[in-house]
All heavy atoms as atom14 arrays in JSON, in Angstrom:
{
  "sequence": "GNPGEKFAVCNAGGGFAYVGAMHDSFPHALELSKM",
  "atom14_mask": [
    [1, 1, 1, 1, 0, 0, 0, 0, 0, 0, 0, 0, 0, 0],
    [1, 1, 1, 1, 1, 1, 1, 1, 0, 0, 0, 0, 0, 0],
    [1, 1, 1, 1, 1, 1, 1, 0, 0, 0, 0, 0, 0, 0],
    [1, 1, 1, 1, 0, 0, 0, 0, 0, 0, 0, 0, 0, 0],
    [1, 1, 1, 1, 1, 1, 1, 1, 1, 0, 0, 0, 0, 0],
    [1, 1, 1, 1, 1, 1, 1, 1, 1, 0, 0, 0, 0, 0],
    [1, 1, 1, 1, 1, 1, 1, 1, 1, 1, 1, 0, 0, 0],
    [1, 1, 1, 1, 1, 0, 0, 0, 0, 0, 0, 0, 0, 0],
    [1, 1, 1, 1, 1, 1, 1, 0, 0, 0, 0, 0, 0, 0],
    [1, 1, 1, 1, 1, 1, 0, 0, 0, 0, 0, 0, 0, 0],
    [1, 1, 1, 1, 1, 1, 1, 1, 0, 0, 0, 0, 0, 0],
    [1, 1, 1, 1, 1, 0, 0, 0, 0, 0, 0, 0, 0, 0],
    [1, 1, 1, 1, 0, 0, 0, 0, 0, 0, 0, 0, 0, 0],
    [1, 1, 1, 1, 0, 0, 0, 0, 0, 0, 0, 0, 0, 0],
    [1, 1, 1, 1, 0, 0, 0, 0, 0, 0, 0, 0, 0, 0],
    [1, 1, 1, 1, 1, 1, 1, 1, 1, 1, 1, 0, 0, 0],
    [1, 1, 1, 1, 1, 0, 0, 0, 0, 0, 0, 0, 0, 0],
    [1, 1, 1, 1, 1, 1, 1, 1, 1, 1, 1, 1, 0, 0],
    [1, 1, 1, 1, 1, 1, 1, 0, 0, 0, 0, 0, 0, 0],
    [1, 1, 1, 1, 0, 0, 0, 0, 0, 0, 0, 0, 0, 0],
    [1, 1, 1, 1, 1, 0, 0, 0, 0, 0, 0, 0, 0, 0],
    [1, 1, 1, 1, 1, 1, 1, 1, 0, 0, 0, 0, 0, 0],
    [1, 1, 1, 1, 1, 1, 1, 1, 1, 1, 0, 0, 0, 0],
    [1, 1, 1, 1, 1, 1, 1, 1, 0, 0, 0, 0, 0, 0],
    [1, 1, 1, 1, 1, 1, 0, 0, 0, 0, 0, 0, 0, 0],
    [1, 1, 1, 1, 1, 1, 1, 1, 1, 1, 1, 0, 0, 0],
    [1, 1, 1, 1, 1, 1, 1, 0, 0, 0, 0, 0, 0, 0],
    [1, 1, 1, 1, 1, 1, 1, 1, 1, 1, 0, 0, 0, 0],
    [1, 1, 1, 1, 1, 0, 0, 0, 0, 0, 0, 0, 0, 0],
    [1, 1, 1, 1, 1, 1, 1, 1, 0, 0, 0, 0, 0, 0],
    [1, 1, 1, 1, 1, 1, 1, 1, 1, 0, 0, 0, 0, 0],
    [1, 1, 1, 1, 1, 1, 1, 1, 0, 0, 0, 0, 0, 0],
    [1, 1, 1, 1, 1, 1, 0, 0, 0, 0, 0, 0, 0, 0],
    [1, 1, 1, 1, 1, 1, 1, 1, 1, 0, 0, 0, 0, 0],
    [1, 1, 1, 1, 1, 1, 1, 1, 0, 0, 0, 0, 0, 0]
  ],
  "atom14_positions": [
    [[0.87, -1.2, -0.04], [0.08, 0.0, 0.03], [0.9, 1.28, 0.0], [1.92, 1.15, -0.58], [0.0, 0.0, 0.0], [0.0, 0.0, 0.0], [0.0, 0.0, 0.0], [0.0, 0.0, 0.0], [0.0, 0.0, 0.0], [0.0, 0.0, 0.0], [0.0, 0.0, 0.0], [0.0, 0.0, 0.0], [0.0, 0.0, 0.0], [0.0, 0.0, 0.0]],
    [[0.5, 2.3, 0.71], [1.3, 3.46, 0.85], [2.36, 3.3, 1.82], [2.22, 2.71, 2.91], [0.45, 4.65, 1.23], [-0.66, 4.9, 0.26], [-0.56, 4.73, -0.98], [-1.87, 5.45, 0.75], [0.0, 0.0, 0.0], [0.0, 0.0, 0.0], [0.0, 0.0, 0.0], [0.0, 0.0, 0.0], [0.0, 0.0, 0.0], [0.0, 0.0, 0.0]],
    [[3.59, 3.77, 1.47], [4.71, 3.7, 2.48], [4.36, 4.38, 3.74], [3.81, 5.44, 3.77], [5.85, 4.5, 1.75], [5.48, 4.37, 0.26], [4.1, 4.37, 0.29], [0.0, 0.0, 0.0], [0.0, 0.0, 0.0], [0.0, 0.0, 0.0], [0.0, 0.0, 0.0], [0.0, 0.0, 0.0], [0.0, 0.0, 0.0], [0.0, 0.0, 0.0]],
    [[4.64, 3.52, 4.82], [4.4, 4.1, 6.18], [2.96, 3.91, 6.69], [2.55, 4.4, 7.8], [0.0, 0.0, 0.0], [0.0, 0.0, 0.0], [0.0, 0.0, 0.0], [0.0, 0.0, 0.0], [0.0, 0.0, 0.0], [0.0, 0.0, 0.0], [0.0, 0.0, 0.0], [0.0, 0.0, 0.0], [0.0, 0.0, 0.0], [0.0, 0.0, 0.0]],
    [[2.09, 3.25, 5.87], [0.78, 3.08, 6.21], [0.73, 1.83, 7.18], [1.54, 0.97, 7.24], [-0.14, 2.88, 5.04], [-1.68, 2.84, 5.37], [-2.16, 4.03, 6.15], [-2.54, 5.05, 5.65], [-2.09, 3.91, 7.39], [0.0, 0.0, 0.0], [0.0, 0.0, 0.0], [0.0, 0.0, 0.0], [0.0, 0.0, 0.0], [0.0, 0.0, 0.0]],
    [[-0.49, 1.62, 7.82], [-0.64, 0.48, 8.79], [-0.77, -0.81, 7.96], [-0.99, -0.77, 6.75], [-1.9, 0.75, 9.61], [-1.84, 1.94, 10.4], [-3.05, 2.11, 11.37], [-2.95, 3.47, 12.16], [-1.84, 3.61, 12.83], [0.0, 0.0, 0.0], [0.0, 0.0, 0.0], [0.0, 0.0, 0.0], [0.0, 0.0, 0.0], [0.0, 0.0, 0.0]],
    [[-0.68, -2.01, 8.62], [-0.56, -3.19, 7.89], [-1.64, -4.21, 8.5], [-2.13, -4.05, 9.65], [0.73, -3.84, 8.0], [1.0, -4.63, 9.34], [0.69, -5.87, 9.52], [1.73, -3.9, 10.36], [1.03, -6.51, 10.74], [2.07, -4.49, 11.48], [1.69, -5.94, 11.73], [0.0, 0.0, 0.0], [0.0, 0.0, 0.0], [0.0, 0.0, 0.0]],
    [[-2.08, -5.09, 7.66], [-3.05, -6.21, 7.94], [-2.41, -7.48, 7.5], [-1.63, -7.56, 6.57], [-4.34, -5.96, 7.22], [0.0, 0.0, 0.0], [0.0, 0.0, 0.0], [0.0, 0.0, 0.0], [0.0, 0.0, 0.0], [0.0, 0.0, 0.0], [0.0, 0.0, 0.0], [0.0, 0.0, 0.0], [0.0, 0.0, 0.0], [0.0, 0.0, 0.0]],
    [[-2.78, -8.51, 8.3], [-2.37, -9.93, 7.87], [-3.62, -10.68, 7.57], [-4.47, -10.8, 8.43], [-1.49, -10.48, 8.92], [-1.12, -12.0, 8.47], [-0.27, -9.76, 9.37], [0.0, 0.0, 0.0], [0.0, 0.0, 0.0], [0.0, 0.0, 0.0], [0.0, 0.0, 0.0], [0.0, 0.0, 0.0], [0.0, 0.0, 0.0], [0.0, 0.0, 0.0]],
    [[-3.78, -11.22, 6.4], [-4.9, -11.93, 5.93], [-4.6, -13.42, 5.99], [-3.64, -13.81, 5.43], [-5.25, -11.53, 4.58], [-5.7, -9.69, 4.46], [0.0, 0.0, 0.0], [0.0, 0.0, 0.0], [0.0, 0.0, 0.0], [0.0, 0.0, 0.0], [0.0, 0.0, 0.0], [0.0, 0.0, 0.0], [0.0, 0.0, 0.0], [0.0, 0.0, 0.0]],
    [[-5.54, -14.15, 6.58], [-5.31, -15.59, 6.68], [-6.48, -16.36, 6.06], [-7.65, -16.32, 6.54], [-5.29, -15.93, 8.23], [-4.2, -15.13, 8.96], [-3.02, -15.44, 8.8], [-4.62, -14.11, 9.6], [0.0, 0.0, 0.0], [0.0, 0.0, 0.0], [0.0, 0.0, 0.0], [0.0, 0.0, 0.0], [0.0, 0.0, 0.0], [0.0, 0.0, 0.0]],
    [[-6.14, -17.13, 5.06], [-7.17, -17.98, 4.36], [-7.56, -19.18, 5.23], [-6.81, -19.7, 6.08], [-6.67, -18.37, 2.98], [0.0, 0.0, 0.0], [0.0, 0.0, 0.0], [0.0, 0.0, 0.0], [0.0, 0.0, 0.0], [0.0, 0.0, 0.0], [0.0, 0.0, 0.0], [0.0, 0.0, 0.0], [0.0, 0.0, 0.0], [0.0, 0.0, 0.0]],
    [[-8.78, -19.66, 5.01], [-9.13, -20.96, 5.58], [-8.76, -22.15, 4.8], [-7.98, -22.04, 3.82], [0.0, 0.0, 0.0], [0.0, 0.0, 0.0], [0.0, 0.0, 0.0], [0.0, 0.0, 0.0], [0.0, 0.0, 0.0], [0.0, 0.0, 0.0], [0.0, 0.0, 0.0], [0.0, 0.0, 0.0], [0.0, 0.0, 0.0], [0.0, 0.0, 0.0]],
    [[-9.29, -23.37, 5.12], [-8.99, -24.57, 4.43], [-9.02, -25.72, 5.41], [-8.4, -26.72, 5.21], [0.0, 0.0, 0.0], [0.0, 0.0, 0.0], [0.0, 0.0, 0.0], [0.0, 0.0, 0.0], [0.0, 0.0, 0.0], [0.0, 0.0, 0.0], [0.0, 0.0, 0.0], [0.0, 0.0, 0.0], [0.0, 0.0, 0.0], [0.0, 0.0, 0.0]],
    [[-9.82, -25.53, 6.52], [-9.99, -26.56, 7.47], [-8.71, -27.16, 8.15], [-8.59, -28.16, 8.75], [0.0, 0.0, 0.0], [0.0, 0.0, 0.0], [0.0, 0.0, 0.0], [0.0, 0.0, 0.0], [0.0, 0.0, 0.0], [0.0, 0.0, 0.0], [0.0, 0.0, 0.0], [0.0, 0.0, 0.0], [0.0, 0.0, 0.0], [0.0, 0.0, 0.0]],
    [[-7.61, -26.18, 8.07], [-6.31, -26.51, 8.66], [-5.74, -27.75, 7.96], [-4.84, -28.36, 8.54], [-6.46, -26.72, 10.2], [-6.67, -25.51, 10.97], [-7.83, -25.45, 11.77], [-5.86, -24.5, 10.96], [-8.2, -24.37, 12.47], [-6.12, -23.31, 11.72], [-7.3, -23.27, 12.51], [0.0, 0.0, 0.0], [0.0, 0.0, 0.0], [0.0, 0.0, 0.0]],
    [[-6.19, -27.97, 6.75], [-5.66, -28.96, 5.87], [-4.92, -28.44, 4.71], [-3.98, -29.05, 4.23], [-6.76, -29.92, 5.4], [0.0, 0.0, 0.0], [0.0, 0.0, 0.0], [0.0, 0.0, 0.0], [0.0, 0.0, 0.0], [0.0, 0.0, 0.0], [0.0, 0.0, 0.0], [0.0, 0.0, 0.0], [0.0, 0.0, 0.0], [0.0, 0.0, 0.0]],
    [[-5.29, -27.25, 4.28], [-4.56, -26.57, 3.24], [-4.91, -25.05, 3.3], [-5.73, -24.61, 4.17], [-5.16, -27.08, 1.78], [-6.49, -26.51, 1.3], [-6.5, -25.62, 0.35], [-7.7, -26.98, 1.86], [-7.66, -25.0, -0.1], [-8.79, -26.42, 1.41], [-8.84, -25.48, 0.42], [-10.07, -24.99, -0.02], [0.0, 0.0, 0.0], [0.0, 0.0, 0.0]],
    [[-4.33, -24.25, 2.49], [-4.56, -22.81, 2.59], [-5.16, -22.32, 1.22], [-4.55, -22.23, 0.14], [-3.15, -22.1, 2.74], [-3.3, -20.6, 2.92], [-2.49, -22.62, 3.98], [0.0, 0.0, 0.0], [0.0, 0.0, 0.0], [0.0, 0.0, 0.0], [0.0, 0.0, 0.0], [0.0, 0.0, 0.0], [0.0, 0.0, 0.0], [0.0, 0.0, 0.0]],
    [[-6.44, -21.87, 1.33], [-7.14, -21.41, 0.22], [-6.89, -19.94, -0.18], [-7.89, -19.13, -0.33], [0.0, 0.0, 0.0], [0.0, 0.0, 0.0], [0.0, 0.0, 0.0], [0.0, 0.0, 0.0], [0.0, 0.0, 0.0], [0.0, 0.0, 0.0], [0.0, 0.0, 0.0], [0.0, 0.0, 0.0], [0.0, 0.0, 0.0], [0.0, 0.0, 0.0]],
    [[-5.68, -19.61, -0.27], [-5.28, -18.18, -0.36], [-5.82, -17.48, -1.55], [-6.23, -16.21, -1.47], [-3.74, -17.99, -0.38], [0.0, 0.0, 0.0], [0.0, 0.0, 0.0], [0.0, 0.0, 0.0], [0.0, 0.0, 0.0], [0.0, 0.0, 0.0], [0.0, 0.0, 0.0], [0.0, 0.0, 0.0], [0.0, 0.0, 0.0], [0.0, 0.0, 0.0]],
    [[-5.98, -18.12, -2.71], [-6.37, -17.41, -3.97], [-7.73, -16.89, -3.86], [-8.09, -15.95, -4.66], [-6.25, -18.38, -5.15], [-6.44, -17.75, -6.52], [-5.4, -16.24, -6.8], [-3.94, -16.99, -7.45], [0.0, 0.0, 0.0], [0.0, 0.0, 0.0], [0.0, 0.0, 0.0], [0.0, 0.0, 0.0], [0.0, 0.0, 0.0], [0.0, 0.0, 0.0]],
    [[-8.51, -17.39, -2.97], [-9.96, -16.91, -2.87], [-10.2, -16.28, -1.49], [-11.03, -15.42, -1.36], [-10.94, -18.09, -3.0], [-12.35, -17.7, -2.88], [-12.97, -16.77, -3.57], [-13.27, -18.2, -1.97], [-14.22, -16.64, -3.21], [-14.46, -17.44, -2.19], [0.0, 0.0, 0.0], [0.0, 0.0, 0.0], [0.0, 0.0, 0.0], [0.0, 0.0, 0.0]],
    [[-9.43, -16.61, -0.51], [-9.85, -16.3, 0.9], [-8.86, -15.37, 1.55], [-8.98, -15.04, 2.77], [-9.96, -17.56, 1.73], [-10.98, -17.39, 2.83], [-11.95, -16.64, 2.64], [-10.83, -18.06, 3.84], [0.0, 0.0, 0.0], [0.0, 0.0, 0.0], [0.0, 0.0, 0.0], [0.0, 0.0, 0.0], [0.0, 0.0, 0.0], [0.0, 0.0, 0.0]],
    [[-7.7, -15.03, 0.96], [-6.8, -13.99, 1.64], [-6.08, -13.11, 0.53], [-5.98, -11.92, 0.74], [-5.74, -14.67, 2.38], [-4.91, -15.58, 1.68], [0.0, 0.0, 0.0], [0.0, 0.0, 0.0], [0.0, 0.0, 0.0], [0.0, 0.0, 0.0], [0.0, 0.0, 0.0], [0.0, 0.0, 0.0], [0.0, 0.0, 0.0], [0.0, 0.0, 0.0]],
    [[-5.68, -13.65, -0.65], [-5.09, -12.78, -1.72], [-5.99, -11.69, -2.08], [-5.66, -10.49, -2.22], [-4.69, -13.68, -2.93], [-3.5, -14.46, -2.71], [-3.17, -15.48, -3.67], [-2.62, -14.39, -1.58], [-2.03, -16.27, -3.5], [-1.53, -15.2, -1.36], [-1.25, -16.16, -2.38], [0.0, 0.0, 0.0], [0.0, 0.0, 0.0], [0.0, 0.0, 0.0]],
    [[-7.36, -12.08, -2.4], [-8.31, -10.95, -2.84], [-8.39, -9.85, -1.73], [-8.58, -8.64, -2.09], [-9.63, -11.66, -3.01], [-9.19, -13.11, -3.3], [-8.01, -13.32, -2.39], [0.0, 0.0, 0.0], [0.0, 0.0, 0.0], [0.0, 0.0, 0.0], [0.0, 0.0, 0.0], [0.0, 0.0, 0.0], [0.0, 0.0, 0.0], [0.0, 0.0, 0.0]],
    [[-8.49, -10.25, -0.47], [-8.64, -9.31, 0.61], [-7.42, -8.41, 0.71], [-7.5, -7.22, 0.85], [-8.88, -10.0, 1.91], [-10.02, -11.03, 1.93], [-10.03, -12.14, 0.99], [-11.16, -11.07, 2.71], [-11.16, -12.78, 1.32], [-11.83, -12.18, 2.25], [0.0, 0.0, 0.0], [0.0, 0.0, 0.0], [0.0, 0.0, 0.0], [0.0, 0.0, 0.0]],
    [[-6.24, -9.02, 0.57], [-5.0, -8.22, 0.7], [-4.83, -7.27, -0.42], [-4.5, -6.18, -0.26], [-3.78, -9.18, 0.71], [0.0, 0.0, 0.0], [0.0, 0.0, 0.0], [0.0, 0.0, 0.0], [0.0, 0.0, 0.0], [0.0, 0.0, 0.0], [0.0, 0.0, 0.0], [0.0, 0.0, 0.0], [0.0, 0.0, 0.0], [0.0, 0.0, 0.0]],
    [[-5.26, -7.78, -1.56], [-5.16, -6.88, -2.78], [-6.07, -5.71, -2.61], [-5.67, -4.49, -2.93], [-5.52, -7.57, -4.08], [-5.57, -6.78, -5.36], [-4.11, -6.22, -5.62], [-5.88, -7.73, -6.6], [0.0, 0.0, 0.0], [0.0, 0.0, 0.0], [0.0, 0.0, 0.0], [0.0, 0.0, 0.0], [0.0, 0.0, 0.0], [0.0, 0.0, 0.0]],
    [[-7.33, -5.83, -2.18], [-8.3, -4.85, -1.98], [-7.85, -3.83, -0.96], [-8.05, -2.55, -1.08], [-9.69, -5.35, -1.72], [-10.33, -6.08, -2.84], [-10.34, -5.24, -4.11], [-10.84, -4.14, -4.14], [-9.73, -5.79, -5.21], [0.0, 0.0, 0.0], [0.0, 0.0, 0.0], [0.0, 0.0, 0.0], [0.0, 0.0, 0.0], [0.0, 0.0, 0.0]],
    [[-7.26, -4.36, 0.18], [-6.7, -3.4, 1.14], [-5.54, -2.61, 0.72], [-5.47, -1.46, 1.02], [-6.3, -4.28, 2.36], [-7.45, -4.89, 3.2], [-6.87, -5.93, 4.3], [-8.21, -3.85, 3.89], [0.0, 0.0, 0.0], [0.0, 0.0, 0.0], [0.0, 0.0, 0.0], [0.0, 0.0, 0.0], [0.0, 0.0, 0.0], [0.0, 0.0, 0.0]],
    [[-4.78, -3.26, -0.15], [-3.61, -2.48, -0.73], [-4.11, -1.32, -1.6], [-3.5, -0.27, -1.67], [-2.66, -3.37, -1.44], [-3.17, -3.72, -2.72], [0.0, 0.0, 0.0], [0.0, 0.0, 0.0], [0.0, 0.0, 0.0], [0.0, 0.0, 0.0], [0.0, 0.0, 0.0], [0.0, 0.0, 0.0], [0.0, 0.0, 0.0], [0.0, 0.0, 0.0]],
    [[-5.21, -1.57, -2.34], [-5.72, -0.48, -3.18], [-6.32, 0.63, -2.27], [-6.39, 1.8, -2.74], [-6.91, -1.08, -4.03], [-6.54, -2.02, -5.13], [-7.71, -2.62, -5.84], [-7.31, -3.69, -6.91], [-8.47, -4.18, -7.6], [0.0, 0.0, 0.0], [0.0, 0.0, 0.0], [0.0, 0.0, 0.0], [0.0, 0.0, 0.0], [0.0, 0.0, 0.0]],
    [[-6.65, 0.42, -1.01], [-7.12, 1.31, -0.16], [-5.95, 2.14, 0.54], [-6.1, 3.11, 1.23], [-7.88, 0.76, 1.03], [-9.18, 0.07, 0.59], [-10.09, -0.73, 2.02], [-11.26, -1.74, 1.22], [0.0, 0.0, 0.0], [0.0, 0.0, 0.0], [0.0, 0.0, 0.0], [0.0, 0.0, 0.0], [0.0, 0.0, 0.0], [0.0, 0.0, 0.0]]
  ]
}
């Protein structure tokens, strides 16, 4: 995002068996970066 701005950590689900990042954390992180 903008240099010096606050940060967020996004965590995808997947039943603790796998990480569904492409749908459950990457999109969120991308949208937050646009903000």
